[in-house]
Amino acid sequence: MGNTESAVVQKRMVRFRPEERPVVERVFDQLLEAGSGNAPGSSGKVLTLDALKVCVAGVAPESMTVRLFQAMRSVDPGGTAPPGGGVSREQLLVFLADVLRGTAEERAPLVMAMARREGEATVTADQVREFVEDLVSAVVQILTSRGRREGWRPDRMGDSAQGVKLLAEQMSSELKLTDERSCDVPCLEDWLFRVSGVALYLELVTSEGLGVRLPSRPPLPLLPSCGPAPWDELRSLLDLPLLLFLYPQLPAQSGAPWRLLFSTRLHGESFTRLVGCCARRGPTLLLLRDSDGHQFGGFASQSWDTKPQFQGDSRCFLFSVFPTLRVYTCTGYNQHYMYLNQGQQTMPNGLGMGGQHHYFGLWLDSDFGKGHSRARPRCTTYGSPQLSAQENFTVETLEVWGVGDPPEEQQAQGKRSVLDADPETQAIMEMTGKTLHSQGLREPEEEEL
C-alpha cells in the first residue's frame, strides 16, 4: 500500500496477514471490472450500486445487496466522500476490514446503516428483523447454490421461507431496546456481541458476494453433514434455517453425519418401532408436529435406555420451532432430563423429557400418537412453556435423528457375532451340547494392516 492511503485505511489493513492484503486490495478493481467492464487499475473511480448488483447476483437477494452498499457508503475512511453516491476504494477497504476482522463496536455502525431508513438516527426492532431476514435468506441461498448443503436436500425438507422468518425473529428478539423502544449503535453493539451468528452470516455473505478468498480463514461449517437418507421417500420437518439454529446449540459437536433413525412417514406409527430404532443409538434430536401445526422437540445428549428411571444430563434441552423458534436449557431445579419406559404396569410407559411423571415438558405416550406438554407455567427441568398448541396433543409427524457418533459397542456389534459379544452365552451353549453351526458360516475377518 502506498502513502496515499489514509491513516484509517492503513490502520485497518494491518489486521490482515501480509499474504492476505493483496487479496483484499484487489477486490475493488475486480468488482469494477466484473460490474462495468472497466479495466483493472481504475484509480479514482467509484463502485456503483448497479455494478455491485451485477457482482452479487446469485449470492444474495437484491434487497441485501442494497444494504451492503448502504453500509459501504456509510464508512468514513478519513477523506472526502466520493461524488455521485458511489463507494470509493478506501471505503470498501475499511468495510472489508470491519466485516472480516472487526469488533462488535466496529460492526455495529455498519449494521445500523444496513437496517435503518435513510436520514434516521436509530432503527426499530422491526427494521432489524427485516435486515436479518435478508441476511439469513442470503446465507440459505449461498448454502444451496454454492454446493455447501452438506448432503441435505432442501427440496425434500420443510419450508425455508418460513424458516428464514422464524430464525430472523428469534435472532432479533435478543435485542435489548432503549427506553424509547428503538435501537441505537450501543444497543446493536451489545446485540452483536451476544448473538454471534449475525457477524458470522455477514462475513459469509460479504466473502461470497465480493469474492474475498482468504486462505487463513476457510469457511466455517454452518450445517451438520447429513448421512445417507431415503430422500425419495422422506419429507423432513427440518429446513436449512432450523439447522442453522440447532447445530450451534449441540454440545461437543463430533462432526459425525446426522443419521435418520425414525420417521412416521417411513416406519409407521408404532412406539415399539420407535424404541427399537432409537434406543442405544447415541445422542439424538427428536422433532415433531402436532395436529394443530405446532412444531417442537428435544435434544437427548445420551443414548435412550428403556428403564423406569430418569436418565441423561444437563446438556439436554427442549426447543420450539413454530410458532416461535426458541431453545430451553436446563434450570438446575431437578435432573429429570430424559425418560423412556415400556411394558411396566406401575410406571408411566412412554418417552418424556423434563418435568415429572404425568407432567412432562414433552411426553409421547406408548399408545402412539398421543402426547402432552404440561408447563404450569413452566417446565421445572427446562423452563419451557407449553410447546404444543393444546396441552394434550395428537402427533401428526415425528422424526428422530442421530446427531453424534453411535456408541462404540453398537459399532462393534455391527462387525462381530452375537456370540463373540457375549462369551458367557457361547460357553453355556457348549456345556449344554448345543452345536455352534454358525461358526463355520462366518465370513473371514479382514487382516489388519
Protein backbone atom coordinates (compact mmCIF):
# COMPACT_ATOMS: atom_id res chain seq x y z
CA MET A 1 0.00 0.00 0.00
CA GLY A 2 1.20 3.46 -0.80
CA ASN A 3 1.41 6.52 1.40
CA THR A 4 -1.63 7.97 -0.36
CA GLU A 5 -3.90 5.73 1.71
CA SER A 6 -5.46 7.46 4.72
CA ALA A 7 -4.33 6.63 8.24
CA VAL A 8 -7.73 5.00 8.86
CA VAL A 9 -7.24 2.58 5.97
CA GLN A 10 -3.64 1.79 6.86
CA LYS A 11 -4.65 1.02 10.44
CA ARG A 12 -7.39 -1.33 9.26
CA MET A 13 -5.22 -3.19 6.78
CA VAL A 14 -2.74 -4.17 9.50
CA ARG A 15 -5.34 -6.72 10.65
CA PHE A 16 -4.74 -8.84 7.57
CA ARG A 17 -1.73 -11.07 7.16
CA PRO A 18 0.87 -9.99 4.60
CA GLU A 19 -0.27 -12.67 2.14
CA GLU A 20 -3.91 -11.61 2.61
CA ARG A 21 -3.51 -7.92 1.93
CA PRO A 22 -3.05 -8.21 -1.85
CA VAL A 23 -6.23 -10.30 -1.98
CA VAL A 24 -8.21 -7.62 -0.13
CA GLU A 25 -6.65 -4.75 -2.08
CA ARG A 26 -7.63 -6.33 -5.43
CA VAL A 27 -11.32 -6.61 -4.54
CA PHE A 28 -12.20 -3.05 -5.60
CA ASP A 29 -10.70 -3.40 -9.10
CA GLN A 30 -12.25 -6.85 -9.53
CA LEU A 31 -15.70 -5.53 -8.66
CA LEU A 32 -15.33 -2.62 -11.08
CA GLU A 33 -14.19 -4.94 -13.84
CA ALA A 34 -16.93 -7.50 -13.24
CA GLY A 35 -19.65 -4.92 -12.72
CA SER A 36 -18.95 -2.47 -15.51
CA GLY A 37 -16.30 -3.91 -17.77
CA ASN A 38 -13.66 -1.39 -16.71
CA ALA A 39 -10.03 -2.45 -16.88
CA PRO A 40 -8.08 -3.12 -13.69
CA GLY A 41 -6.15 -0.28 -12.09
CA SER A 42 -9.04 2.15 -12.28
CA SER A 43 -7.75 4.54 -9.62
CA GLY A 44 -10.17 7.32 -8.74
CA LYS A 45 -13.27 5.52 -9.95
CA VAL A 46 -16.18 4.58 -7.71
CA LEU A 47 -18.21 1.44 -7.25
CA THR A 48 -21.88 1.97 -8.10
CA LEU A 49 -24.89 0.14 -6.78
CA ASP A 50 -25.66 -1.24 -10.24
CA ALA A 51 -22.14 -2.66 -10.53
CA LEU A 52 -22.43 -4.25 -7.09
CA LYS A 53 -25.77 -5.85 -8.03
CA VAL A 54 -24.12 -7.48 -11.04
CA CYS A 55 -21.35 -8.91 -8.85
CA VAL A 56 -23.58 -10.17 -6.04
CA ALA A 57 -26.34 -11.56 -8.28
CA GLY A 58 -26.98 -15.20 -7.44
CA VAL A 59 -25.44 -14.87 -3.98
CA ALA A 60 -27.86 -12.60 -2.14
CA PRO A 61 -31.30 -11.06 -2.66
CA GLU A 62 -31.23 -7.62 -4.25
CA SER A 63 -32.50 -6.10 -1.01
CA MET A 64 -29.42 -7.47 0.81
CA THR A 65 -27.14 -6.09 -1.90
CA VAL A 66 -28.65 -2.63 -1.35
CA ARG A 67 -28.00 -2.99 2.38
CA LEU A 68 -24.34 -3.90 1.76
CA PHE A 69 -23.98 -0.85 -0.48
CA GLN A 70 -25.52 1.40 2.19
CA ALA A 71 -23.04 0.08 4.73
CA MET A 72 -20.11 0.76 2.40
CA ARG A 73 -21.38 4.28 1.74
CA SER A 74 -21.63 4.98 5.49
CA VAL A 75 -17.91 4.37 6.06
CA ASP A 76 -15.77 7.41 6.83
CA PRO A 77 -12.27 6.49 5.61
CA GLY A 78 -10.77 9.75 6.81
CA GLY A 79 -11.01 11.52 3.48
CA THR A 80 -13.56 13.15 1.20
CA ALA A 81 -16.57 11.01 0.27
CA PRO A 82 -16.73 10.28 -3.46
CA PRO A 83 -19.19 12.26 -5.54
CA GLY A 84 -22.23 10.77 -7.20
CA GLY A 85 -23.26 8.43 -4.41
CA GLY A 86 -20.71 5.72 -5.22
CA VAL A 87 -18.28 3.80 -2.99
CA SER A 88 -14.58 4.65 -3.04
CA ARG A 89 -11.75 2.18 -2.84
CA GLU A 90 -10.89 3.35 0.68
CA GLN A 91 -14.48 2.97 1.85
CA LEU A 92 -14.55 -0.59 0.55
CA LEU A 93 -11.25 -1.48 2.26
CA VAL A 94 -12.47 -0.19 5.63
CA PHE A 95 -15.78 -2.01 5.16
CA LEU A 96 -14.00 -5.31 4.42
CA ALA A 97 -11.64 -4.90 7.38
CA ASP A 98 -14.52 -4.22 9.79
CA VAL A 99 -16.72 -7.05 8.49
CA LEU A 100 -13.99 -9.67 8.20
CA ARG A 101 -11.72 -8.68 11.11
CA GLY A 102 -13.64 -6.10 13.13
CA THR A 103 -15.07 -5.99 16.63
CA ALA A 104 -18.70 -5.67 17.64
CA GLU A 105 -18.05 -1.97 18.23
CA GLU A 106 -16.86 -1.52 14.65
CA ARG A 107 -19.55 -3.66 13.07
CA ALA A 108 -22.46 -2.01 14.90
CA PRO A 109 -22.44 1.20 12.75
CA LEU A 110 -22.42 -0.96 9.61
CA VAL A 111 -25.44 -2.92 10.83
CA MET A 112 -27.12 0.37 11.71
CA ALA A 113 -26.57 1.58 8.14
CA MET A 114 -27.93 -1.67 6.70
CA ALA A 115 -31.06 -1.67 8.85
CA ARG A 116 -32.15 1.95 9.14
CA ARG A 117 -34.06 4.14 6.75
CA GLU A 118 -32.12 6.99 5.21
CA GLY A 119 -31.87 10.08 7.40
CA GLU A 120 -32.86 8.35 10.66
CA ALA A 121 -30.50 8.11 13.65
CA THR A 122 -31.99 4.94 15.15
CA VAL A 123 -33.71 1.82 13.93
CA THR A 124 -36.70 -0.10 15.21
CA ALA A 125 -36.76 -3.76 16.18
CA ASP A 126 -38.87 -4.46 13.08
CA GLN A 127 -36.23 -2.87 10.85
CA VAL A 128 -33.52 -5.02 12.44
CA ARG A 129 -35.68 -8.11 11.91
CA GLU A 130 -36.15 -7.20 8.23
CA PHE A 131 -32.38 -6.83 7.88
CA VAL A 132 -31.81 -10.24 9.49
CA GLU A 133 -34.40 -11.81 7.17
CA ASP A 134 -32.43 -10.57 4.16
CA LEU A 135 -29.17 -11.73 5.74
CA VAL A 136 -30.43 -15.25 6.54
CA SER A 137 -32.03 -15.51 3.09
CA ALA A 138 -28.64 -14.74 1.57
CA VAL A 139 -26.96 -17.39 3.73
CA VAL A 140 -29.52 -20.02 2.71
CA GLN A 141 -29.08 -19.02 -0.94
CA ILE A 142 -25.30 -19.42 -0.64
CA LEU A 143 -25.56 -22.81 1.07
CA THR A 144 -27.97 -24.02 -1.60
CA SER A 145 -26.30 -22.62 -4.71
CA ARG A 146 -22.63 -22.95 -3.78
CA GLY A 147 -22.64 -26.68 -3.01
CA ARG A 148 -22.46 -26.29 0.76
CA ARG A 149 -25.63 -28.18 1.67
CA GLU A 150 -23.60 -30.92 3.41
CA GLY A 151 -25.78 -33.67 1.96
CA TRP A 152 -29.15 -32.08 2.81
CA ARG A 153 -31.96 -31.89 0.27
CA PRO A 154 -33.88 -28.60 0.65
CA ASP A 155 -36.41 -29.77 -1.95
CA ARG A 156 -37.35 -32.66 0.37
CA MET A 157 -37.37 -30.60 3.57
CA GLY A 158 -39.54 -28.01 5.28
CA ASP A 159 -40.39 -24.52 4.06
CA SER A 160 -37.15 -22.48 4.12
CA ALA A 161 -39.05 -19.22 3.54
CA GLN A 162 -40.97 -19.74 6.78
CA GLY A 163 -37.77 -20.90 8.47
CA VAL A 164 -36.00 -17.69 7.46
CA LYS A 165 -38.72 -15.59 9.12
CA LEU A 166 -38.64 -17.72 12.28
CA LEU A 167 -34.86 -17.54 12.60
CA ALA A 168 -34.82 -13.79 11.92
CA GLU A 169 -37.47 -13.25 14.60
CA GLN A 170 -35.50 -15.36 17.08
CA MET A 171 -32.23 -13.53 16.45
CA SER A 172 -33.80 -10.06 16.61
CA SER A 173 -35.68 -10.99 19.80
CA GLU A 174 -32.30 -10.86 21.58
CA LEU A 175 -32.17 -7.08 21.14
CA LYS A 176 -32.18 -5.04 24.35
CA LEU A 177 -34.08 -1.96 23.21
CA THR A 178 -33.59 1.54 24.55
CA ASP A 179 -36.16 3.26 26.74
CA GLU A 180 -37.67 4.68 23.55
CA ARG A 181 -38.13 1.11 22.20
CA SER A 182 -35.59 1.70 19.46
CA CYS A 183 -32.03 0.57 18.66
CA ASP A 184 -29.03 2.87 18.71
CA VAL A 185 -25.41 1.92 17.99
CA PRO A 186 -24.63 0.79 21.59
CA CYS A 187 -27.75 -1.40 21.51
CA LEU A 188 -26.59 -3.05 18.28
CA GLU A 189 -23.06 -3.43 19.61
CA ASP A 190 -24.37 -5.34 22.63
CA TRP A 191 -26.55 -7.48 20.34
CA LEU A 192 -23.66 -8.34 18.01
CA PHE A 193 -21.51 -9.30 20.97
CA ARG A 194 -24.13 -11.72 22.31
CA VAL A 195 -25.61 -13.07 19.05
CA SER A 196 -22.50 -14.25 17.22
CA GLY A 197 -24.45 -15.60 14.25
CA VAL A 198 -25.07 -12.11 12.86
CA ALA A 199 -21.36 -11.38 12.35
CA LEU A 200 -20.75 -14.90 11.07
CA TYR A 201 -23.51 -14.63 8.46
CA LEU A 202 -22.43 -11.14 7.42
CA GLU A 203 -18.87 -12.36 6.95
CA LEU A 204 -20.08 -15.25 4.78
CA VAL A 205 -22.28 -13.07 2.58
CA THR A 206 -19.51 -10.49 2.16
CA SER A 207 -16.85 -13.10 1.36
CA GLU A 208 -19.01 -14.97 -1.14
CA GLY A 209 -20.67 -11.92 -2.67
CA LEU A 210 -17.49 -9.89 -3.16
CA GLY A 211 -15.24 -12.83 -3.92
CA VAL A 212 -12.86 -12.41 -0.98
CA ARG A 213 -10.99 -15.70 -0.51
CA LEU A 214 -8.66 -15.63 2.49
CA PRO A 215 -6.64 -18.86 2.84
CA SER A 216 -6.15 -18.32 6.56
CA ARG A 217 -9.91 -18.22 7.13
CA PRO A 218 -11.59 -21.19 5.45
CA PRO A 219 -15.39 -21.24 5.53
CA LEU A 220 -16.81 -22.47 8.83
CA PRO A 221 -19.32 -25.33 8.65
CA LEU A 222 -22.73 -23.80 9.31
CA LEU A 223 -24.65 -27.04 8.82
CA PRO A 224 -24.07 -30.53 10.15
CA SER A 225 -23.33 -33.10 7.50
CA CYS A 226 -26.16 -35.46 6.61
CA GLY A 227 -25.54 -39.16 6.18
CA PRO A 228 -27.35 -41.28 3.59
CA ALA A 229 -31.12 -40.82 3.88
CA PRO A 230 -34.07 -42.08 1.81
CA TRP A 231 -34.84 -38.64 0.38
CA ASP A 232 -37.05 -40.01 -2.40
CA GLU A 233 -39.48 -41.23 0.29
CA LEU A 234 -38.79 -38.69 3.03
CA ARG A 235 -40.25 -35.24 3.56
CA SER A 236 -38.34 -33.98 6.58
CA LEU A 237 -39.63 -31.49 9.14
CA LEU A 238 -36.15 -29.96 9.18
CA ASP A 239 -35.25 -26.99 6.98
CA LEU A 240 -31.93 -25.19 6.44
CA PRO A 241 -32.68 -22.19 8.75
CA LEU A 242 -33.71 -24.61 11.51
CA LEU A 243 -30.42 -26.48 11.07
CA LEU A 244 -28.57 -23.15 11.23
CA PHE A 245 -30.29 -22.56 14.58
CA LEU A 246 -29.99 -26.02 16.12
CA TYR A 247 -26.47 -27.02 15.08
CA PRO A 248 -24.64 -24.47 17.28
CA GLN A 249 -26.81 -25.48 20.25
CA LEU A 250 -25.45 -29.02 20.29
CA PRO A 251 -22.60 -29.71 22.73
CA ALA A 252 -19.24 -31.13 21.71
CA GLN A 253 -20.02 -31.39 18.03
CA SER A 254 -18.19 -34.51 16.89
CA GLY A 255 -18.61 -33.87 13.19
CA ALA A 256 -20.39 -37.19 12.73
CA PRO A 257 -23.04 -37.11 9.99
CA TRP A 258 -26.63 -36.92 11.17
CA ARG A 259 -28.49 -40.21 10.70
CA LEU A 260 -32.23 -40.58 10.28
CA LEU A 261 -33.27 -43.14 12.89
CA PHE A 262 -37.06 -42.92 12.80
CA SER A 263 -39.79 -41.23 10.80
CA THR A 264 -43.51 -41.89 10.98
CA ARG A 265 -43.61 -41.43 7.21
CA LEU A 266 -41.16 -44.31 6.74
CA HIS A 267 -41.54 -46.52 9.81
CA GLY A 268 -45.23 -46.11 10.59
CA GLU A 269 -46.91 -45.25 13.89
CA SER A 270 -45.53 -47.75 16.37
CA PHE A 271 -44.00 -46.97 19.75
CA THR A 272 -42.21 -50.32 19.78
CA ARG A 273 -40.65 -49.48 16.42
CA LEU A 274 -39.68 -46.04 17.73
CA VAL A 275 -37.91 -47.56 20.73
CA GLY A 276 -36.21 -50.18 18.57
CA CYS A 277 -34.90 -47.53 16.16
CA CYS A 278 -33.70 -45.03 18.77
CA ALA A 279 -32.56 -46.91 21.89
CA ARG A 280 -28.79 -47.17 22.43
CA ARG A 281 -28.01 -45.08 19.34
CA GLY A 282 -26.08 -42.21 20.92
CA PRO A 283 -27.26 -38.58 21.13
CA THR A 284 -30.49 -37.89 19.27
CA LEU A 285 -32.66 -34.99 18.19
CA LEU A 286 -36.43 -35.50 18.25
CA LEU A 287 -38.70 -33.26 16.18
CA LEU A 288 -42.48 -33.45 15.81
CA ARG A 289 -45.50 -31.56 14.54
CA ASP A 290 -48.83 -31.86 16.31
CA SER A 291 -52.23 -31.93 14.63
CA ASP A 292 -52.61 -28.17 15.23
CA GLY A 293 -49.41 -27.32 13.34
CA HIS A 294 -47.11 -26.57 16.28
CA GLN A 295 -43.57 -27.92 15.82
CA PHE A 296 -41.22 -28.66 18.70
CA GLY A 297 -38.79 -31.25 20.01
CA GLY A 298 -35.85 -32.04 22.22
CA PHE A 299 -32.18 -32.97 22.22
CA ALA A 300 -31.11 -36.06 24.17
CA SER A 301 -27.40 -35.91 24.99
CA GLN A 302 -27.12 -39.62 25.77
CA SER A 303 -28.46 -42.86 24.34
CA TRP A 304 -32.04 -43.66 25.21
CA ASP A 305 -32.26 -46.67 27.52
CA THR A 306 -35.52 -48.42 28.41
CA LYS A 307 -35.85 -48.27 32.20
CA PRO A 308 -38.26 -46.73 34.75
CA GLN A 309 -35.76 -44.08 35.90
CA PHE A 310 -34.78 -40.67 34.59
CA GLN A 311 -31.57 -40.51 32.60
CA GLY A 312 -29.47 -38.02 30.63
CA ASP A 313 -27.54 -34.95 31.79
CA SER A 314 -27.64 -31.16 31.78
CA ARG A 315 -26.68 -30.92 28.09
CA CYS A 316 -30.22 -31.95 27.12
CA PHE A 317 -32.68 -29.28 26.07
CA LEU A 318 -36.15 -28.71 24.66
CA PHE A 319 -36.96 -26.38 21.78
CA SER A 320 -39.89 -24.94 19.89
CA VAL A 321 -39.91 -24.32 16.14
CA PHE A 322 -43.36 -23.00 15.29
CA PRO A 323 -44.96 -20.59 16.02
CA THR A 324 -41.72 -19.32 17.62
CA LEU A 325 -38.15 -20.57 17.38
CA ARG A 326 -36.64 -20.91 20.85
CA VAL A 327 -34.37 -23.22 22.85
CA TYR A 328 -34.89 -24.06 26.54
CA THR A 329 -31.93 -25.33 28.53
CA CYS A 330 -31.73 -26.85 31.98
CA THR A 331 -32.73 -24.81 35.01
CA GLY A 332 -30.91 -26.97 37.59
CA TYR A 333 -34.16 -27.46 39.53
CA ASN A 334 -34.07 -31.24 39.04
CA GLN A 335 -32.39 -33.91 36.92
CA HIS A 336 -35.43 -35.20 35.04
CA TYR A 337 -33.75 -34.84 31.66
CA MET A 338 -34.86 -37.97 29.78
CA TYR A 339 -37.26 -40.85 30.43
CA LEU A 340 -38.06 -43.94 28.36
CA ASN A 341 -40.11 -46.85 29.62
CA GLN A 342 -42.17 -49.63 28.11
CA GLY A 343 -44.13 -52.62 29.36
CA GLN A 344 -44.47 -51.60 33.04
CA GLN A 345 -47.71 -51.63 34.95
CA THR A 346 -46.68 -49.38 37.84
CA MET A 347 -44.73 -46.65 35.98
CA PRO A 348 -45.67 -44.43 33.02
CA ASN A 349 -44.94 -46.03 29.65
CA GLY A 350 -43.66 -43.67 27.01
CA LEU A 351 -40.89 -41.20 26.16
CA GLY A 352 -40.55 -37.98 28.11
CA MET A 353 -38.26 -35.01 28.69
CA GLY A 354 -38.40 -32.65 31.68
CA GLY A 355 -40.93 -32.09 34.43
CA GLN A 356 -42.15 -35.13 36.31
CA HIS A 357 -44.31 -38.20 35.86
CA HIS A 358 -47.63 -37.27 34.22
CA TYR A 359 -46.44 -33.64 33.88
CA PHE A 360 -43.64 -33.75 31.34
CA GLY A 361 -42.36 -30.82 29.33
CA LEU A 362 -42.59 -33.19 26.36
CA TRP A 363 -44.29 -36.59 26.52
CA LEU A 364 -45.01 -39.22 23.87
CA ASP A 365 -47.27 -41.95 25.18
CA SER A 366 -46.66 -45.62 24.40
CA ASP A 367 -50.16 -45.51 22.92
CA PHE A 368 -48.58 -44.00 19.83
CA GLY A 369 -49.90 -40.69 18.59
CA LYS A 370 -50.85 -39.30 21.98
CA GLY A 371 -48.74 -36.86 23.97
CA HIS A 372 -48.73 -33.88 26.29
CA SER A 373 -46.72 -30.77 27.09
CA ARG A 374 -47.58 -29.63 30.58
CA ALA A 375 -45.98 -26.50 31.99
CA ARG A 376 -47.74 -24.59 34.74
CA PRO A 377 -46.44 -22.05 33.97
CA ARG A 378 -43.01 -23.50 33.09
CA CYS A 379 -41.43 -26.95 32.89
CA THR A 380 -39.36 -27.31 36.04
CA THR A 381 -36.43 -29.02 34.30
CA TYR A 382 -36.04 -26.80 31.23
CA GLY A 383 -38.05 -23.66 31.98
CA SER A 384 -40.02 -24.22 28.78
CA PRO A 385 -43.65 -23.14 28.30
CA GLN A 386 -46.29 -25.40 26.79
CA LEU A 387 -44.80 -26.41 23.44
CA SER A 388 -47.89 -27.88 21.81
CA ALA A 389 -50.99 -26.00 20.75
CA GLN A 390 -53.09 -27.98 23.23
CA GLU A 391 -51.82 -29.43 26.49
CA ASN A 392 -52.80 -32.89 25.29
CA PHE A 393 -51.87 -33.22 21.64
CA THR A 394 -52.01 -35.67 18.77
CA VAL A 395 -48.85 -36.39 16.80
CA GLU A 396 -49.09 -35.65 13.09
CA THR A 397 -45.46 -36.33 12.15
CA LEU A 398 -42.45 -37.44 14.18
CA GLU A 399 -38.83 -37.96 13.24
CA VAL A 400 -35.67 -38.72 15.22
CA TRP A 401 -32.12 -38.04 14.05
CA GLY A 402 -28.91 -39.47 15.46
CA VAL A 403 -26.67 -36.42 15.87
CA GLY A 404 -23.44 -37.88 17.20
CA ASP A 405 -21.23 -40.92 16.96
CA PRO A 406 -23.15 -44.09 17.83
CA PRO A 407 -21.88 -45.93 20.91
CA GLU A 408 -18.70 -47.94 20.36
CA GLU A 409 -20.40 -51.18 21.36
CA GLN A 410 -23.03 -50.66 18.64
CA GLN A 411 -20.35 -50.14 16.01
CA ALA A 412 -18.52 -53.21 17.22
CA GLN A 413 -21.64 -55.36 17.21
CA GLY A 414 -22.18 -54.46 13.60
CA LYS A 415 -18.98 -56.38 12.80
CA ARG A 416 -18.99 -59.12 15.47
CA SER A 417 -21.14 -62.14 16.10
CA VAL A 418 -23.61 -62.04 18.96
CA LEU A 419 -21.70 -64.99 20.43
CA ASP A 420 -18.45 -63.02 20.33
CA ALA A 421 -20.17 -60.15 22.08
CA ASP A 422 -21.34 -62.50 24.87
CA PRO A 423 -18.71 -65.22 25.57
CA GLU A 424 -20.73 -66.49 28.54
CA THR A 425 -23.62 -67.39 26.23
CA GLN A 426 -21.21 -69.27 23.96
CA ALA A 427 -19.76 -71.24 26.90
CA ILE A 428 -23.21 -72.18 28.22
CA MET A 429 -24.29 -73.40 24.77
CA GLU A 430 -21.19 -75.58 24.50
CA MET A 431 -21.75 -77.05 28.00
CA THR A 432 -25.33 -77.98 27.14
CA GLY A 433 -24.26 -79.74 23.95
CA LYS A 434 -25.57 -77.11 21.52
CA THR A 435 -23.72 -77.15 18.19
CA LEU A 436 -22.43 -73.78 17.06
CA HIS A 437 -23.43 -74.14 13.42
CA SER A 438 -22.72 -70.52 12.63
CA GLN A 439 -19.02 -70.91 13.43
CA GLY A 440 -18.37 -72.44 10.03
CA LEU A 441 -20.53 -69.96 8.15
CA ARG A 442 -18.72 -66.74 9.07
CA GLU A 443 -17.03 -64.57 6.55
CA PRO A 444 -13.26 -64.34 7.08
CA GLU A 445 -12.16 -61.32 9.03
CA GLU A 446 -10.04 -58.76 7.24
CA GLU A 447 -6.40 -58.77 8.22
CA GLU A 448 -5.22 -55.67 9.99
CA LEU A 449 -2.71 -53.65 8.03
